[in-house]
PDB file of N, CA and C in Angstrom:
ATOM      1  N   MET A   1    -256.191   5.875-205.399  1.00  0.00           N
ATOM      2  CA  MET A   1    -255.240   5.121-204.520  1.00  0.00           C
ATOM      3  C   MET A   1    -254.117   5.883-204.261  1.00  0.00           C
ATOM      4  N   GLY A   2    -253.592   6.385-205.495  1.00  0.00           N
ATOM      5  CA  GLY A   2    -252.382   7.197-205.545  1.00  0.00           C
ATOM      6  C   GLY A   2    -252.269   8.315-204.420  1.00  0.00           C
ATOM      7  N   LYS A   3    -253.311   9.042-204.549  1.00  0.00           N
ATOM      8  CA  LYS A   3    -253.324  10.332-203.786  1.00  0.00           C
ATOM      9  C   LYS A   3    -253.517  10.267-202.351  1.00  0.00           C
ATOM     10  N   VAL A   4    -254.169   9.076-201.836  1.00  0.00           N
ATOM     11  CA  VAL A   4    -254.370   8.537-200.399  1.00  0.00           C
ATOM     12  C   VAL A   4    -252.829   8.159-200.074  1.00  0.00           C
ATOM     13  N   LEU A   5    -252.337   7.027-200.785  1.00  0.00           N
ATOM     14  CA  LEU A   5    -251.048   6.810-200.385  1.00  0.00           C
ATOM     15  C   LEU A   5    -250.051   7.866-200.235  1.00  0.00           C
ATOM     16  N   SER A   6    -249.923   8.810-201.077  1.00  0.00           N
ATOM     17  CA  SER A   6    -249.149  10.030-201.097  1.00  0.00           C
ATOM     18  C   SER A   6    -249.492  10.954-199.871  1.00  0.00           C
ATOM     19  N   PHE A   7    -250.558  10.989-199.488  1.00  0.00           N
ATOM     20  CA  PHE A   7    -251.088  11.779-198.325  1.00  0.00           C
ATOM     21  C   PHE A   7    -250.406  10.890-196.966  1.00  0.00           C
ATOM     22  N   VAL A   8    -250.748   9.634-197.078  1.00  0.00           N
ATOM     23  CA  VAL A   8    -250.180   8.878-195.981  1.00  0.00           C
ATOM     24  C   VAL A   8    -248.627   8.899-195.906  1.00  0.00           C
ATOM     25  N   GLY A   9    -248.043   8.849-197.039  1.00  0.00           N
ATOM     26  CA  GLY A   9    -246.681   8.932-196.895  1.00  0.00           C
ATOM     27  C   GLY A   9    -246.061  10.215-196.618  1.00  0.00           C
ATOM     28  N   ALA A  10    -246.912  11.291-196.820  1.00  0.00           N
ATOM     29  CA  ALA A  10    -246.185  12.743-196.734  1.00  0.00           C
ATOM     30  C   ALA A  10    -246.513  12.792-195.050  1.00  0.00           C
ATOM     31  N   THR A  11    -247.466  12.233-194.496  1.00  0.00           N
ATOM     32  CA  THR A  11    -247.808  12.373-193.125  1.00  0.00           C
ATOM     33  C   THR A  11    -246.699  11.596-192.325  1.00  0.00           C
ATOM     34  N   ILE A  12    -246.430  10.334-192.640  1.00  0.00           N
ATOM     35  CA  ILE A  12    -245.353   9.604-192.007  1.00  0.00           C
ATOM     36  C   ILE A  12    -244.011  10.175-192.226  1.00  0.00           C
ATOM     37  N   GLY A  13    -243.790  10.779-193.379  1.00  0.00           N
ATOM     38  CA  GLY A  13    -242.570  11.425-193.617  1.00  0.00           C
ATOM     39  C   GLY A  13    -242.283  12.612-192.844  1.00  0.00           C
ATOM     40  N   SER A  14    -243.265  13.326-192.880  1.00  0.00           N
ATOM     41  CA  SER A  14    -243.233  14.654-191.967  1.00  0.00           C
ATOM     42  C   SER A  14    -243.100  14.308-190.654  1.00  0.00           C
ATOM     43  N   TYR A  15    -243.693  13.446-190.217  1.00  0.00           N
ATOM     44  CA  TYR A  15    -243.419  13.249-188.760  1.00  0.00           C
ATOM     45  C   TYR A  15    -242.249  12.736-188.313  1.00  0.00           C
ATOM     46  N   ALA A  16    -241.682  12.035-189.084  1.00  0.00           N
ATOM     47  CA  ALA A  16    -240.449  11.317-188.971  1.00  0.00           C
ATOM     48  C   ALA A  16    -239.198  12.250-188.942  1.00  0.00           C
ATOM     49  N   GLY A  17    -239.412  13.323-189.973  1.00  0.00           N
ATOM     50  CA  GLY A  17    -238.282  14.219-190.220  1.00  0.00           C
ATOM     51  C   GLY A  17    -238.673  15.231-189.113  1.00  0.00           C
ATOM     52  N   TRP A  18    -239.601  15.609-188.655  1.00  0.00           N
ATOM     53  CA  TRP A  18    -239.857  16.647-187.510  1.00  0.00           C
ATOM     54  C   TRP A  18    -239.185  15.765-186.275  1.00  0.00           C
ATOM     55  N   ALA A  19    -239.436  14.508-186.083  1.00  0.00           N
ATOM     56  CA  ALA A  19    -238.825  14.026-184.744  1.00  0.00           C
ATOM     57  C   ALA A  19    -237.360  13.874-184.903  1.00  0.00           C
ATOM     58  N   LEU A  20    -236.769  13.672-186.096  1.00  0.00           N
ATOM     59  CA  LEU A  20    -235.326  13.611-186.132  1.00  0.00           C
ATOM     60  C   LEU A  20    -234.673  15.155-186.064  1.00  0.00           C
ATOM     61  N   GLY A  21    -235.354  16.164-186.570  1.00  0.00           N
ATOM     62  CA  GLY A  21    -234.807  17.427-186.597  1.00  0.00           C
ATOM     63  C   GLY A  21    -235.061  18.023-185.261  1.00  0.00           C
ATOM     64  N   ALA A  22    -236.204  17.794-184.424  1.00  0.00           N
ATOM     65  CA  ALA A  22    -236.264  18.482-183.325  1.00  0.00           C
ATOM     66  C   ALA A  22    -235.270  18.406-182.250  1.00  0.00           C
ATOM     67  N   THR A  23    -234.420  17.049-182.367  1.00  0.00           N
ATOM     68  CA  THR A  23    -233.399  17.089-181.419  1.00  0.00           C
ATOM     69  C   THR A  23    -232.347  18.196-181.631  1.00  0.00           C
ATOM     70  N   VAL A  24    -232.438  18.950-182.605  1.00  0.00           N
ATOM     71  CA  VAL A  24    -231.433  20.081-182.952  1.00  0.00           C
ATOM     72  C   VAL A  24    -232.180  21.330-182.756  1.00  0.00           C
ATOM     73  N   GLY A  25    -233.277  21.495-183.107  1.00  0.00           N
ATOM     74  CA  GLY A  25    -233.982  22.813-182.958  1.00  0.00           C
ATOM     75  C   GLY A  25    -235.218  23.022-183.796  1.00  0.00           C
ATOM     76  N   PHE A  26    -235.862  23.896-183.505  1.00  0.00           N
ATOM     77  CA  PHE A  26    -237.193  24.090-184.341  1.00  0.00           C
ATOM     78  C   PHE A  26    -236.976  24.389-185.795  1.00  0.00           C
ATOM     79  N   TYR A  27    -235.960  25.308-186.216  1.00  0.00           N
ATOM     80  CA  TYR A  27    -236.016  25.425-187.568  1.00  0.00           C
ATOM     81  C   TYR A  27    -235.258  24.213-188.458  1.00  0.00           C
ATOM     82  N   THR A  28    -234.461  23.466-187.725  1.00  0.00           N
ATOM     83  CA  THR A  28    -233.961  22.229-188.342  1.00  0.00           C
ATOM     84  C   THR A  28    -235.092  21.384-188.352  1.00  0.00           C
ATOM     85  N   ALA A  29    -236.023  21.145-187.351  1.00  0.00           N
ATOM     86  CA  ALA A  29    -237.237  20.311-187.339  1.00  0.00           C
ATOM     87  C   ALA A  29    -238.119  20.739-188.593  1.00  0.00           C
ATOM     88  N   PHE A  30    -238.134  21.950-188.689  1.00  0.00           N
ATOM     89  CA  PHE A  30    -238.970  22.321-189.941  1.00  0.00           C
ATOM     90  C   PHE A  30    -238.639  21.743-191.291  1.00  0.00           C
ATOM     91  N   MET A  31    -237.014  22.056-191.452  1.00  0.00           N
ATOM     92  CA  MET A  31    -236.504  21.806-192.672  1.00  0.00           C
ATOM     93  C   MET A  31    -236.355  20.480-193.106  1.00  0.00           C
ATOM     94  N   VAL A  32    -236.252  19.533-191.967  1.00  0.00           N
ATOM     95  CA  VAL A  32    -236.054  18.050-192.097  1.00  0.00           C
ATOM     96  C   VAL A  32    -237.514  17.434-192.352  1.00  0.00           C
ATOM     97  N   SER A  33    -238.504  18.054-191.866  1.00  0.00           N
ATOM     98  CA  SER A  33    -239.993  17.798-191.896  1.00  0.00           C
ATOM     99  C   SER A  33    -240.261  18.017-193.481  1.00  0.00           C
ATOM    100  N   MET A  34    -239.904  19.003-193.895  1.00  0.00           N
ATOM    101  CA  MET A  34    -240.159  19.291-195.423  1.00  0.00           C
ATOM    102  C   MET A  34    -239.648  18.204-196.170  1.00  0.00           C
ATOM    103  N   VAL A  35    -238.466  17.709-196.088  1.00  0.00           N
ATOM    104  CA  VAL A  35    -237.418  16.773-196.861  1.00  0.00           C
ATOM    105  C   VAL A  35    -238.239  15.635-196.607  1.00  0.00           C
ATOM    106  N   GLY A  36    -238.737  15.128-195.453  1.00  0.00           N
ATOM    107  CA  GLY A  36    -239.582  13.874-195.142  1.00  0.00           C
ATOM    108  C   GLY A  36    -240.687  14.047-195.823  1.00  0.00           C
ATOM    109  N   THR A  37    -241.618  15.148-195.725  1.00  0.00           N
ATOM    110  CA  THR A  37    -242.391  15.277-196.760  1.00  0.00           C
ATOM    111  C   THR A  37    -242.510  14.576-198.292  1.00  0.00           C
ATOM    112  N   GLY A  38    -241.601  15.150-198.719  1.00  0.00           N
ATOM    113  CA  GLY A  38    -241.120  14.759-200.055  1.00  0.00           C
ATOM    114  C   GLY A  38    -240.697  13.402-200.366  1.00  0.00           C
ATOM    115  N   ILE A  39    -239.930  12.907-199.431  1.00  0.00           N
ATOM    116  CA  ILE A  39    -239.670  11.646-199.619  1.00  0.00           C
ATOM    117  C   ILE A  39    -240.850  10.629-199.353  1.00  0.00           C
ATOM    118  N   GLY A  40    -241.854  10.936-198.572  1.00  0.00           N
ATOM    119  CA  GLY A  40    -242.776  10.401-198.232  1.00  0.00           C
ATOM    120  C   GLY A  40    -243.917  10.252-199.363  1.00  0.00           C
ATOM    121  N   ILE A  41    -243.913  11.359-199.956  1.00  0.00           N
ATOM    122  CA  ILE A  41    -244.662  11.569-201.335  1.00  0.00           C
ATOM    123  C   ILE A  41    -244.233  10.635-202.247  1.00  0.00           C
ATOM    124  N   TYR A  42    -243.166  10.688-202.310  1.00  0.00           N
ATOM    125  CA  TYR A  42    -242.406   9.713-203.346  1.00  0.00           C
ATOM    126  C   TYR A  42    -242.557   8.300-203.131  1.00  0.00           C
ATOM    127  N   PHE A  43    -242.363   7.788-201.918  1.00  0.00           N
ATOM    128  CA  PHE A  43    -242.457   6.279-201.900  1.00  0.00           C
ATOM    129  C   PHE A  43    -244.111   6.006-201.712  1.00  0.00           C
ATOM    130  N   GLY A  44    -244.887   6.931-201.269  1.00  0.00           N
ATOM    131  CA  GLY A  44    -246.353   6.434-201.180  1.00  0.00           C
ATOM    132  C   GLY A  44    -246.775   6.414-202.824  1.00  0.00           C
ATOM    133  N   ARG A  45    -246.379   7.381-203.782  1.00  0.00           N
ATOM    134  CA  ARG A  45    -246.798   6.994-205.155  1.00  0.00           C
ATOM    135  C   ARG A  45    -246.123   5.875-205.784  1.00  0.00           C
ATOM    136  N   GLN A  46    -245.123   5.593-205.321  1.00  0.00           N
ATOM    137  CA  GLN A  46    -244.255   4.488-205.815  1.00  0.00           C
ATOM    138  C   GLN A  46    -244.931   2.998-205.591  1.00  0.00           C
ATOM    139  N   LEU A  47    -245.426   3.085-204.048  1.00  0.00           N
ATOM    140  CA  LEU A  47    -246.342   1.958-203.669  1.00  0.00           C
ATOM    141  C   LEU A  47    -247.551   1.821-204.376  1.00  0.00           C
ATOM    142  N   ALA A  48    -248.153   2.985-204.548  1.00  0.00           N
ATOM    143  CA  ALA A  48    -249.370   2.826-205.343  1.00  0.00           C
ATOM    144  C   ALA A  48    -249.366   2.578-206.565  1.00  0.00           C
ATOM    145  N   ARG A  49    -248.367   2.970-207.380  1.00  0.00           N
ATOM    146  CA  ARG A  49    -248.106   2.552-208.777  1.00  0.00           C
ATOM    147  C   ARG A  49    -247.652   0.995-208.729  1.00  0.00           C
ATOM    148  N   ASN A  50    -246.723   0.414-208.004  1.00  0.00           N
ATOM    149  CA  ASN A  50    -246.574  -0.876-207.924  1.00  0.00           C
ATOM    150  C   ASN A  50    -247.523  -1.885-207.549  1.00  0.00           C
ATOM    151  N   TYR A  51    -248.390  -1.719-206.582  1.00  0.00           N
ATOM    152  CA  TYR A  51    -249.222  -2.637-205.978  1.00  0.00           C
ATOM    153  C   TYR A  51    -250.790  -2.466-206.393  1.00  0.00           C
ATOM    154  N   PHE A  52    -251.149  -1.112-206.798  1.00  0.00           N
ATOM    155  CA  PHE A  52    -252.620  -0.710-207.077  1.00  0.00           C
ATOM    156  C   PHE A  52    -252.745  -0.649-208.549  1.00  0.00           C
ATOM    157  N   GLU A  53    -251.936  -0.463-209.416  1.00  0.00           N
ATOM    158  CA  GLU A  53    -252.137  -0.240-210.808  1.00  0.00           C
ATOM    159  C   GLU A  53    -251.687  -1.299-211.753  1.00  0.00           C
TER     160      GLU A  53
END
């Protein structure tokens, strides 16, 4: 379940980062999307650890 929630978190974080960064420009959207991906993976794994293990 941890991998599934990591993937879901990465997808949501990446989209949120892209939406925030796209207001500035393409490169900024890409960079903020990568940060959002990492944050989403972190919180997805924490969610899996706290509720499904």
